[in-house]
All heavy atoms as atom14 arrays in JSON, in Angstrom:
{
  "sequence": "KIKYLRIKDFAEIFNLHKQTVSVLIREGKINAVKIYGTT",
  "atom14_mask": [
    [1, 1, 1, 1, 1, 1, 1, 1, 1, 0, 0, 0, 0, 0],
    [1, 1, 1, 1, 1, 1, 1, 1, 0, 0, 0, 0, 0, 0],
    [1, 1, 1, 1, 1, 1, 1, 1, 1, 0, 0, 0, 0, 0],
    [1, 1, 1, 1, 1, 1, 1, 1, 1, 1, 1, 1, 0, 0],
    [1, 1, 1, 1, 1, 1, 1, 1, 0, 0, 0, 0, 0, 0],
    [1, 1, 1, 1, 1, 1, 1, 1, 1, 1, 1, 0, 0, 0],
    [1, 1, 1, 1, 1, 1, 1, 1, 0, 0, 0, 0, 0, 0],
    [1, 1, 1, 1, 1, 1, 1, 1, 1, 0, 0, 0, 0, 0],
    [1, 1, 1, 1, 1, 1, 1, 1, 0, 0, 0, 0, 0, 0],
    [1, 1, 1, 1, 1, 1, 1, 1, 1, 1, 1, 0, 0, 0],
    [1, 1, 1, 1, 1, 0, 0, 0, 0, 0, 0, 0, 0, 0],
    [1, 1, 1, 1, 1, 1, 1, 1, 1, 0, 0, 0, 0, 0],
    [1, 1, 1, 1, 1, 1, 1, 1, 0, 0, 0, 0, 0, 0],
    [1, 1, 1, 1, 1, 1, 1, 1, 1, 1, 1, 0, 0, 0],
    [1, 1, 1, 1, 1, 1, 1, 1, 0, 0, 0, 0, 0, 0],
    [1, 1, 1, 1, 1, 1, 1, 1, 0, 0, 0, 0, 0, 0],
    [1, 1, 1, 1, 1, 1, 1, 1, 1, 1, 0, 0, 0, 0],
    [1, 1, 1, 1, 1, 1, 1, 1, 1, 0, 0, 0, 0, 0],
    [1, 1, 1, 1, 1, 1, 1, 1, 1, 0, 0, 0, 0, 0],
    [1, 1, 1, 1, 1, 1, 1, 0, 0, 0, 0, 0, 0, 0],
    [1, 1, 1, 1, 1, 1, 1, 0, 0, 0, 0, 0, 0, 0],
    [1, 1, 1, 1, 1, 1, 0, 0, 0, 0, 0, 0, 0, 0],
    [1, 1, 1, 1, 1, 1, 1, 0, 0, 0, 0, 0, 0, 0],
    [1, 1, 1, 1, 1, 1, 1, 1, 0, 0, 0, 0, 0, 0],
    [1, 1, 1, 1, 1, 1, 1, 1, 0, 0, 0, 0, 0, 0],
    [1, 1, 1, 1, 1, 1, 1, 1, 1, 1, 1, 0, 0, 0],
    [1, 1, 1, 1, 1, 1, 1, 1, 1, 0, 0, 0, 0, 0],
    [1, 1, 1, 1, 0, 0, 0, 0, 0, 0, 0, 0, 0, 0],
    [1, 1, 1, 1, 1, 1, 1, 1, 1, 0, 0, 0, 0, 0],
    [1, 1, 1, 1, 1, 1, 1, 1, 0, 0, 0, 0, 0, 0],
    [1, 1, 1, 1, 1, 1, 1, 1, 0, 0, 0, 0, 0, 0],
    [1, 1, 1, 1, 1, 0, 0, 0, 0, 0, 0, 0, 0, 0],
    [1, 1, 1, 1, 1, 1, 1, 0, 0, 0, 0, 0, 0, 0],
    [1, 1, 1, 1, 1, 1, 1, 1, 1, 0, 0, 0, 0, 0],
    [1, 1, 1, 1, 1, 1, 1, 1, 0, 0, 0, 0, 0, 0],
    [1, 1, 1, 1, 1, 1, 1, 1, 1, 1, 1, 1, 0, 0],
    [1, 1, 1, 1, 0, 0, 0, 0, 0, 0, 0, 0, 0, 0],
    [1, 1, 1, 1, 1, 1, 1, 0, 0, 0, 0, 0, 0, 0],
    [1, 1, 1, 1, 1, 1, 1, 0, 0, 0, 0, 0, 0, 0]
  ],
  "atom14_positions": [
    [[0.81, -1.21, 0.0], [0.0, 0.0, 0.0], [0.85, 1.27, 0.0], [0.39, 2.32, -0.39], [-0.93, 0.02, 1.21], [-2.0, -1.04, 1.15], [-2.9, -0.95, 2.35], [-3.96, -2.03, 2.31], [-4.87, -1.95, 3.44], [0.0, 0.0, 0.0], [0.0, 0.0, 0.0], [0.0, 0.0, 0.0], [0.0, 0.0, 0.0], [0.0, 0.0, 0.0]],
    [[2.1, 1.15, 0.43], [2.98, 2.31, 0.48], [3.4, 2.67, -0.93], [3.97, 1.85, -1.64], [4.22, 2.03, 1.34], [3.83, 1.76, 2.79], [5.19, 3.22, 1.27], [5.0, 1.37, 3.66], [0.0, 0.0, 0.0], [0.0, 0.0, 0.0], [0.0, 0.0, 0.0], [0.0, 0.0, 0.0], [0.0, 0.0, 0.0], [0.0, 0.0, 0.0]],
    [[3.09, 3.89, -1.34], [3.45, 4.35, -2.68], [4.49, 5.45, -2.63], [5.22, 5.64, -3.59], [2.21, 4.82, -3.42], [1.22, 3.72, -3.7], [0.04, 4.22, -4.48], [-0.93, 3.06, -4.69], [-2.1, 3.47, -5.44], [0.0, 0.0, 0.0], [0.0, 0.0, 0.0], [0.0, 0.0, 0.0], [0.0, 0.0, 0.0], [0.0, 0.0, 0.0]],
    [[4.54, 6.17, -1.52], [5.47, 7.28, -1.37], [6.12, 7.24, 0.0], [5.53, 6.77, 0.97], [4.74, 8.62, -1.52], [4.19, 8.84, -2.9], [2.88, 8.5, -3.21], [4.99, 9.39, -3.9], [2.37, 8.69, -4.49], [4.49, 9.58, -5.18], [3.19, 9.23, -5.47], [2.7, 9.42, -6.72], [0.0, 0.0, 0.0], [0.0, 0.0, 0.0]],
    [[7.35, 7.75, 0.07], [8.07, 7.84, 1.32], [8.31, 9.31, 1.67], [8.46, 10.15, 0.78], [9.44, 7.17, 1.21], [9.47, 5.67, 0.97], [10.9, 5.24, 0.66], [8.95, 4.94, 2.18], [0.0, 0.0, 0.0], [0.0, 0.0, 0.0], [0.0, 0.0, 0.0], [0.0, 0.0, 0.0], [0.0, 0.0, 0.0], [0.0, 0.0, 0.0]],
    [[8.37, 9.58, 2.95], [8.79, 10.91, 3.4], [10.31, 10.99, 3.28], [11.0, 9.97, 3.2], [8.4, 11.13, 4.85], [6.89, 11.11, 5.07], [6.55, 11.25, 6.52], [7.12, 10.11, 7.25], [7.28, 10.05, 8.56], [6.94, 11.07, 9.31], [7.8, 9.0, 9.13], [0.0, 0.0, 0.0], [0.0, 0.0, 0.0], [0.0, 0.0, 0.0]],
    [[10.83, 12.18, 3.27], [12.28, 12.37, 3.21], [12.95, 11.65, 4.37], [13.98, 10.99, 4.19], [12.63, 13.87, 3.2], [12.26, 14.49, 1.85], [14.11, 14.1, 3.5], [12.49, 15.97, 1.75], [0.0, 0.0, 0.0], [0.0, 0.0, 0.0], [0.0, 0.0, 0.0], [0.0, 0.0, 0.0], [0.0, 0.0, 0.0], [0.0, 0.0, 0.0]],
    [[12.37, 11.74, 5.54], [12.93, 11.1, 6.72], [13.06, 9.59, 6.53], [14.08, 8.99, 6.86], [12.03, 11.4, 7.93], [12.47, 10.73, 9.19], [11.51, 11.03, 10.33], [11.91, 10.28, 11.57], [10.96, 10.5, 12.66], [0.0, 0.0, 0.0], [0.0, 0.0, 0.0], [0.0, 0.0, 0.0], [0.0, 0.0, 0.0], [0.0, 0.0, 0.0]],
    [[12.02, 8.96, 5.98], [12.04, 7.51, 5.76], [13.09, 7.11, 4.73], [13.82, 6.14, 4.9], [10.67, 7.01, 5.32], [9.61, 7.22, 6.4], [9.98, 7.25, 7.59], [8.44, 7.36, 6.04], [0.0, 0.0, 0.0], [0.0, 0.0, 0.0], [0.0, 0.0, 0.0], [0.0, 0.0, 0.0], [0.0, 0.0, 0.0], [0.0, 0.0, 0.0]],
    [[13.17, 7.87, 3.64], [14.18, 7.61, 2.6], [15.58, 7.75, 3.19], [16.45, 6.92, 2.93], [13.97, 8.57, 1.43], [14.76, 8.21, 0.2], [14.24, 7.35, -0.75], [16.02, 8.75, -0.01], [14.96, 7.03, -1.9], [16.75, 8.43, -1.15], [16.22, 7.57, -2.09], [0.0, 0.0, 0.0], [0.0, 0.0, 0.0], [0.0, 0.0, 0.0]],
    [[15.78, 8.78, 3.99], [17.09, 9.01, 4.62], [17.47, 7.84, 5.53], [18.63, 7.41, 5.55], [17.07, 10.32, 5.4], [0.0, 0.0, 0.0], [0.0, 0.0, 0.0], [0.0, 0.0, 0.0], [0.0, 0.0, 0.0], [0.0, 0.0, 0.0], [0.0, 0.0, 0.0], [0.0, 0.0, 0.0], [0.0, 0.0, 0.0], [0.0, 0.0, 0.0]],
    [[16.53, 7.32, 6.27], [16.8, 6.19, 7.16], [17.21, 4.94, 6.38], [18.1, 4.22, 6.81], [15.58, 5.88, 8.03], [15.35, 6.88, 9.13], [14.11, 6.57, 9.95], [13.52, 5.49, 9.78], [13.74, 7.43, 10.76], [0.0, 0.0, 0.0], [0.0, 0.0, 0.0], [0.0, 0.0, 0.0], [0.0, 0.0, 0.0], [0.0, 0.0, 0.0]],
    [[16.57, 4.7, 5.26], [16.89, 3.51, 4.46], [18.35, 3.54, 4.01], [19.04, 2.53, 4.06], [15.95, 3.41, 3.23], [14.53, 3.09, 3.7], [16.45, 2.37, 2.24], [13.48, 3.19, 2.61], [0.0, 0.0, 0.0], [0.0, 0.0, 0.0], [0.0, 0.0, 0.0], [0.0, 0.0, 0.0], [0.0, 0.0, 0.0], [0.0, 0.0, 0.0]],
    [[18.83, 4.71, 3.59], [20.18, 4.83, 3.06], [21.18, 5.4, 4.06], [22.33, 5.67, 3.71], [20.17, 5.68, 1.79], [19.51, 4.98, 0.64], [18.2, 5.28, 0.29], [20.17, 3.99, -0.06], [17.58, 4.63, -0.75], [19.55, 3.32, -1.1], [18.25, 3.64, -1.45], [0.0, 0.0, 0.0], [0.0, 0.0, 0.0], [0.0, 0.0, 0.0]],
    [[20.75, 5.56, 5.3], [21.61, 6.09, 6.35], [22.19, 7.45, 5.96], [23.39, 7.7, 6.07], [22.72, 5.1, 6.7], [23.34, 5.39, 8.04], [22.71, 5.98, 8.91], [24.58, 4.99, 8.22], [0.0, 0.0, 0.0], [0.0, 0.0, 0.0], [0.0, 0.0, 0.0], [0.0, 0.0, 0.0], [0.0, 0.0, 0.0], [0.0, 0.0, 0.0]],
    [[21.33, 8.32, 5.46], [21.7, 9.67, 5.07], [21.01, 10.67, 6.0], [20.02, 10.34, 6.66], [21.24, 9.96, 3.63], [21.83, 9.11, 2.52], [21.09, 9.38, 1.22], [23.31, 9.4, 2.37], [0.0, 0.0, 0.0], [0.0, 0.0, 0.0], [0.0, 0.0, 0.0], [0.0, 0.0, 0.0], [0.0, 0.0, 0.0], [0.0, 0.0, 0.0]],
    [[21.5, 11.88, 6.02], [20.83, 12.95, 6.75], [19.67, 13.46, 5.91], [19.74, 13.45, 4.67], [21.83, 14.07, 7.03], [21.33, 15.07, 8.02], [20.52, 16.11, 7.66], [21.49, 15.16, 9.36], [20.21, 16.83, 8.73], [20.8, 16.26, 9.78], [0.0, 0.0, 0.0], [0.0, 0.0, 0.0], [0.0, 0.0, 0.0], [0.0, 0.0, 0.0]],
    [[18.61, 13.92, 6.56], [17.44, 14.43, 5.84], [17.82, 15.58, 4.91], [17.3, 15.69, 3.8], [16.36, 14.89, 6.82], [15.76, 13.79, 7.63], [14.65, 14.27, 8.53], [15.13, 15.3, 9.51], [14.1, 15.75, 10.45], [0.0, 0.0, 0.0], [0.0, 0.0, 0.0], [0.0, 0.0, 0.0], [0.0, 0.0, 0.0], [0.0, 0.0, 0.0]],
    [[18.72, 16.43, 5.35], [19.13, 17.57, 4.52], [19.85, 17.09, 3.26], [19.69, 17.68, 2.19], [20.04, 18.51, 5.32], [20.36, 19.79, 4.59], [19.13, 20.62, 4.28], [18.19, 20.69, 5.07], [19.11, 21.25, 3.13], [0.0, 0.0, 0.0], [0.0, 0.0, 0.0], [0.0, 0.0, 0.0], [0.0, 0.0, 0.0], [0.0, 0.0, 0.0]],
    [[20.61, 16.02, 3.37], [21.3, 15.46, 2.2], [20.29, 14.99, 1.17], [20.44, 15.24, -0.03], [22.21, 14.28, 2.62], [23.16, 14.75, 3.58], [22.93, 13.68, 1.43], [0.0, 0.0, 0.0], [0.0, 0.0, 0.0], [0.0, 0.0, 0.0], [0.0, 0.0, 0.0], [0.0, 0.0, 0.0], [0.0, 0.0, 0.0], [0.0, 0.0, 0.0]],
    [[19.23, 14.33, 1.62], [18.18, 13.86, 0.72], [17.5, 15.06, 0.06], [17.24, 15.05, -1.15], [17.16, 12.97, 1.45], [16.02, 12.58, 0.53], [17.84, 11.73, 2.0], [0.0, 0.0, 0.0], [0.0, 0.0, 0.0], [0.0, 0.0, 0.0], [0.0, 0.0, 0.0], [0.0, 0.0, 0.0], [0.0, 0.0, 0.0], [0.0, 0.0, 0.0]],
    [[17.25, 16.11, 0.82], [16.63, 17.32, 0.27], [17.49, 17.93, -0.83], [16.99, 18.34, -1.88], [16.4, 18.35, 1.37], [15.48, 17.88, 2.3], [0.0, 0.0, 0.0], [0.0, 0.0, 0.0], [0.0, 0.0, 0.0], [0.0, 0.0, 0.0], [0.0, 0.0, 0.0], [0.0, 0.0, 0.0], [0.0, 0.0, 0.0], [0.0, 0.0, 0.0]],
    [[18.79, 17.97, -0.61], [19.71, 18.51, -1.61], [19.7, 17.63, -2.86], [19.65, 18.14, -3.99], [21.15, 18.62, -1.04], [22.16, 18.94, -2.13], [21.19, 19.68, 0.05], [0.0, 0.0, 0.0], [0.0, 0.0, 0.0], [0.0, 0.0, 0.0], [0.0, 0.0, 0.0], [0.0, 0.0, 0.0], [0.0, 0.0, 0.0], [0.0, 0.0, 0.0]],
    [[19.71, 16.31, -2.69], [19.68, 15.39, -3.83], [18.39, 15.56, -4.64], [18.4, 15.46, -5.87], [19.84, 13.95, -3.36], [21.22, 13.59, -2.81], [21.2, 12.22, -2.16], [22.26, 13.66, -3.91], [0.0, 0.0, 0.0], [0.0, 0.0, 0.0], [0.0, 0.0, 0.0], [0.0, 0.0, 0.0], [0.0, 0.0, 0.0], [0.0, 0.0, 0.0]],
    [[17.3, 15.85, -3.97], [16.03, 16.1, -4.66], [16.14, 17.37, -5.49], [15.78, 17.4, -6.67], [14.85, 16.18, -3.67], [14.56, 14.8, -3.08], [13.6, 16.75, -4.34], [13.58, 14.81, -1.92], [0.0, 0.0, 0.0], [0.0, 0.0, 0.0], [0.0, 0.0, 0.0], [0.0, 0.0, 0.0], [0.0, 0.0, 0.0], [0.0, 0.0, 0.0]],
    [[16.64, 18.44, -4.87], [16.77, 19.72, -5.59], [17.74, 19.61, -6.77], [17.56, 20.29, -7.77], [17.21, 20.82, -4.63], [16.09, 21.27, -3.71], [16.43, 22.58, -3.02], [17.64, 22.55, -2.22], [17.73, 22.12, -0.96], [16.66, 21.67, -0.34], [18.87, 22.15, -0.31], [0.0, 0.0, 0.0], [0.0, 0.0, 0.0], [0.0, 0.0, 0.0]],
    [[18.75, 18.77, -6.65], [19.72, 18.58, -7.74], [19.18, 17.66, -8.83], [19.82, 17.48, -9.85], [21.03, 18.02, -7.2], [21.8, 19.0, -6.36], [23.06, 18.41, -5.76], [23.26, 17.17, -5.83], [23.86, 19.18, -5.21], [0.0, 0.0, 0.0], [0.0, 0.0, 0.0], [0.0, 0.0, 0.0], [0.0, 0.0, 0.0], [0.0, 0.0, 0.0]],
    [[18.04, 17.02, -8.57], [17.45, 16.12, -9.56], [18.0, 14.7, -9.53], [17.73, 13.91, -10.42], [0.0, 0.0, 0.0], [0.0, 0.0, 0.0], [0.0, 0.0, 0.0], [0.0, 0.0, 0.0], [0.0, 0.0, 0.0], [0.0, 0.0, 0.0], [0.0, 0.0, 0.0], [0.0, 0.0, 0.0], [0.0, 0.0, 0.0], [0.0, 0.0, 0.0]],
    [[18.76, 14.37, -8.5], [19.34, 13.03, -8.4], [18.38, 12.03, -7.77], [18.58, 10.83, -7.89], [20.65, 13.09, -7.61], [21.71, 13.91, -8.34], [23.0, 13.99, -7.58], [24.0, 14.83, -8.36], [25.24, 15.01, -7.64], [0.0, 0.0, 0.0], [0.0, 0.0, 0.0], [0.0, 0.0, 0.0], [0.0, 0.0, 0.0], [0.0, 0.0, 0.0]],
    [[17.36, 12.54, -7.1], [16.28, 11.71, -6.56], [14.97, 12.31, -7.07], [14.75, 13.52, -6.92], [16.28, 11.69, -5.02], [17.56, 11.05, -4.49], [15.06, 10.95, -4.48], [17.69, 11.1, -2.97], [0.0, 0.0, 0.0], [0.0, 0.0, 0.0], [0.0, 0.0, 0.0], [0.0, 0.0, 0.0], [0.0, 0.0, 0.0], [0.0, 0.0, 0.0]],
    [[14.14, 11.49, -7.66], [12.83, 11.95, -8.12], [11.89, 12.08, -6.93], [11.83, 11.18, -6.09], [12.24, 10.98, -9.14], [13.07, 10.93, -10.4], [13.59, 11.94, -10.85], [13.19, 9.76, -10.98], [0.0, 0.0, 0.0], [0.0, 0.0, 0.0], [0.0, 0.0, 0.0], [0.0, 0.0, 0.0], [0.0, 0.0, 0.0], [0.0, 0.0, 0.0]],
    [[11.17, 13.18, -6.86], [10.23, 13.4, -5.78], [9.08, 14.28, -6.26], [9.19, 14.96, -7.28], [10.93, 14.05, -4.59], [0.0, 0.0, 0.0], [0.0, 0.0, 0.0], [0.0, 0.0, 0.0], [0.0, 0.0, 0.0], [0.0, 0.0, 0.0], [0.0, 0.0, 0.0], [0.0, 0.0, 0.0], [0.0, 0.0, 0.0], [0.0, 0.0, 0.0]],
    [[8.0, 14.26, -5.5], [6.81, 15.04, -5.81], [6.58, 16.01, -4.66], [6.55, 15.61, -3.5], [5.58, 14.12, -5.97], [4.34, 14.93, -6.24], [5.82, 13.09, -7.05], [0.0, 0.0, 0.0], [0.0, 0.0, 0.0], [0.0, 0.0, 0.0], [0.0, 0.0, 0.0], [0.0, 0.0, 0.0], [0.0, 0.0, 0.0], [0.0, 0.0, 0.0]],
    [[6.43, 17.29, -5.0], [6.15, 18.28, -3.97], [4.64, 18.31, -3.74], [3.86, 18.39, -4.68], [6.64, 19.66, -4.39], [6.59, 20.67, -3.29], [7.34, 21.92, -3.67], [7.4, 22.84, -2.48], [8.18, 24.03, -2.77], [0.0, 0.0, 0.0], [0.0, 0.0, 0.0], [0.0, 0.0, 0.0], [0.0, 0.0, 0.0], [0.0, 0.0, 0.0]],
    [[4.25, 18.23, -2.49], [2.83, 18.24, -2.15], [2.3, 19.66, -2.28], [2.86, 20.6, -1.72], [2.6, 17.68, -0.74], [3.07, 16.23, -0.7], [1.14, 17.8, -0.33], [2.95, 15.58, 0.64], [0.0, 0.0, 0.0], [0.0, 0.0, 0.0], [0.0, 0.0, 0.0], [0.0, 0.0, 0.0], [0.0, 0.0, 0.0], [0.0, 0.0, 0.0]],
    [[1.24, 19.79, -3.05], [0.64, 21.09, -3.34], [0.29, 21.84, -2.06], [-0.34, 21.29, -1.16], [-0.61, 20.9, -4.2], [-1.28, 22.19, -4.57], [-0.72, 23.03, -5.53], [-2.46, 22.59, -3.95], [-1.33, 24.22, -5.88], [-3.07, 23.78, -4.29], [-2.5, 24.59, -5.25], [-3.1, 25.77, -5.58], [0.0, 0.0, 0.0], [0.0, 0.0, 0.0]],
    [[0.7, 23.09, -1.99], [0.34, 23.95, -0.87], [1.21, 23.78, 0.36], [0.95, 24.39, 1.39], [0.0, 0.0, 0.0], [0.0, 0.0, 0.0], [0.0, 0.0, 0.0], [0.0, 0.0, 0.0], [0.0, 0.0, 0.0], [0.0, 0.0, 0.0], [0.0, 0.0, 0.0], [0.0, 0.0, 0.0], [0.0, 0.0, 0.0], [0.0, 0.0, 0.0]],
    [[2.25, 22.95, 0.27], [3.13, 22.75, 1.42], [4.58, 22.78, 0.95], [4.86, 22.9, -0.23], [2.88, 21.39, 2.13], [3.32, 20.34, 1.27], [1.42, 21.21, 2.47], [0.0, 0.0, 0.0], [0.0, 0.0, 0.0], [0.0, 0.0, 0.0], [0.0, 0.0, 0.0], [0.0, 0.0, 0.0], [0.0, 0.0, 0.0], [0.0, 0.0, 0.0]],
    [[5.48, 22.62, 1.89], [6.89, 22.49, 1.55], [7.33, 21.03, 1.58], [8.51, 20.75, 1.4], [7.76, 23.31, 2.54], [7.53, 22.83, 3.85], [7.44, 24.78, 2.44], [0.0, 0.0, 0.0], [0.0, 0.0, 0.0], [0.0, 0.0, 0.0], [0.0, 0.0, 0.0], [0.0, 0.0, 0.0], [0.0, 0.0, 0.0], [0.0, 0.0, 0.0]]
  ]
}
């Protein structure tokens, strides 16, 4: 049933910091979807 992960969950899987995952998303190295009306 899980279709999407939060940044925190993705970071835990790969033993990364949440900020590192955020940077990878902004650089386009990780595909992600921004939730409308939020950050």
